[in-house]
Amino acid sequence: MTSEQDRIQGWSLEEGVKYEVAQDVLMQLIAIAGRQIRQLEDQPEPDQAEIAQWQERRSTWIRRRHELLPTDAEANQQVLDEDGQILRALQDAE
């Protein structure tokens, strides 16, 4: 339960924390995608289809990050659930 003292700038402390963590998840995914693109481009025969897939994923994460709002609890939770799972899988694969 959130008290009025927890509310800052129109959102609760919990909403603010989830928003910041969701932003961090997206930033890490954007960085991973950029690294993957660079690694693919550095290959003697770059796989253009795979590069395009990573570019699309990166664009999606960038757009999602810019559209995310601290007051949109559902969208923040979706990022944490779905994109968080993707991030964990990518980190485990490294």
Protein backbone atom coordinates (compact mmCIF):
# COMPACT_ATOMS: atom_id res chain seq x y z
CA MET A 1 0.00 0.00 0.00
CA THR A 2 1.30 3.44 -0.96
CA SER A 3 0.96 6.46 1.28
CA GLU A 4 0.69 10.03 0.07
CA GLN A 5 4.18 10.64 1.50
CA ASP A 6 5.56 8.07 -0.96
CA ARG A 7 4.13 9.93 -3.95
CA ILE A 8 6.59 12.11 -5.81
CA GLN A 9 5.87 13.92 -9.06
CA GLY A 10 2.53 12.10 -9.41
CA TRP A 11 3.82 8.54 -9.01
CA SER A 12 4.66 6.37 -6.04
CA LEU A 13 8.10 5.36 -4.90
CA GLU A 14 7.38 1.77 -6.00
CA GLU A 15 6.30 2.97 -9.47
CA GLY A 16 9.45 5.06 -9.73
CA VAL A 17 11.69 2.14 -8.79
CA LYS A 18 10.01 -0.21 -11.28
CA TYR A 19 10.33 2.44 -13.97
CA GLU A 20 14.06 2.89 -13.29
CA VAL A 21 14.68 -0.87 -13.30
CA ALA A 22 12.69 -1.26 -16.54
CA GLN A 23 14.77 1.55 -18.09
CA ASP A 24 17.94 -0.25 -16.99
CA VAL A 25 16.77 -3.55 -18.51
CA LEU A 26 16.10 -1.82 -21.82
CA MET A 27 19.44 0.02 -21.78
CA GLN A 28 21.30 -3.26 -21.22
CA LEU A 29 19.41 -4.89 -24.09
CA ILE A 30 20.21 -1.93 -26.37
CA ALA A 31 23.90 -2.25 -25.47
CA ILE A 32 23.91 -6.01 -26.08
CA ALA A 33 22.23 -5.51 -29.45
CA GLY A 34 24.81 -2.89 -30.42
CA ARG A 35 27.62 -5.22 -29.45
CA GLN A 36 26.09 -8.09 -31.43
CA ILE A 37 25.72 -5.88 -34.50
CA ARG A 38 29.36 -4.77 -34.28
CA GLN A 39 30.57 -8.35 -33.87
CA LEU A 40 28.53 -9.50 -36.85
CA GLU A 41 29.73 -6.60 -39.01
CA ASP A 42 33.35 -7.40 -38.13
CA GLN A 43 33.08 -10.92 -39.55
CA PRO A 44 34.69 -11.59 -42.96
CA GLU A 45 31.25 -12.35 -44.43
CA PRO A 46 28.66 -10.61 -42.26
CA ASP A 47 25.24 -12.27 -42.04
CA GLN A 48 23.06 -9.37 -43.22
CA ALA A 49 19.83 -11.09 -42.14
CA GLU A 50 21.10 -11.57 -38.59
CA ILE A 51 22.36 -7.99 -38.50
CA ALA A 52 18.92 -6.78 -39.61
CA GLN A 53 17.26 -8.85 -36.86
CA TRP A 54 19.48 -7.31 -34.19
CA GLN A 55 18.92 -3.83 -35.62
CA GLU A 56 15.16 -4.35 -35.45
CA ARG A 57 15.34 -5.63 -31.88
CA ARG A 58 17.54 -2.67 -30.92
CA SER A 59 15.11 -0.22 -32.54
CA THR A 60 12.20 -1.84 -30.67
CA TRP A 61 13.99 -1.55 -27.32
CA ILE A 62 14.97 2.07 -28.02
CA ARG A 63 11.38 2.96 -28.92
CA ARG A 64 10.03 1.14 -25.88
CA ARG A 65 12.49 2.96 -23.62
CA HIS A 66 11.46 6.37 -24.97
CA GLU A 67 7.74 5.56 -24.63
CA LEU A 68 7.96 4.18 -21.09
CA LEU A 69 6.36 6.30 -18.37
CA PRO A 70 6.79 6.02 -14.59
CA THR A 71 3.00 6.05 -14.17
CA ASP A 72 2.38 3.18 -16.61
CA ALA A 73 2.67 0.31 -14.16
CA GLU A 74 1.46 -2.26 -16.68
CA ALA A 75 4.05 -1.32 -19.31
CA ASN A 76 6.84 -1.23 -16.73
CA GLN A 77 5.86 -4.66 -15.44
CA GLN A 78 5.70 -5.98 -19.00
CA VAL A 79 9.28 -4.80 -19.62
CA LEU A 80 10.42 -6.38 -16.36
CA ASP A 81 8.69 -9.67 -17.15
CA GLU A 82 9.29 -10.06 -20.89
CA ASP A 83 12.41 -8.07 -21.60
CA GLY A 84 13.91 -9.06 -18.26
CA GLN A 85 13.61 -12.69 -19.31
CA ILE A 86 15.29 -11.92 -22.65
CA LEU A 87 18.10 -10.10 -20.85
CA ARG A 88 18.69 -13.00 -18.47
CA ALA A 89 18.80 -15.47 -21.39
CA LEU A 90 21.27 -13.30 -23.32
CA GLN A 91 23.47 -12.85 -20.27
CA ASP A 92 23.41 -16.60 -19.56
CA ALA A 93 24.46 -17.27 -23.16
CA GLU A 94 27.56 -15.08 -22.87
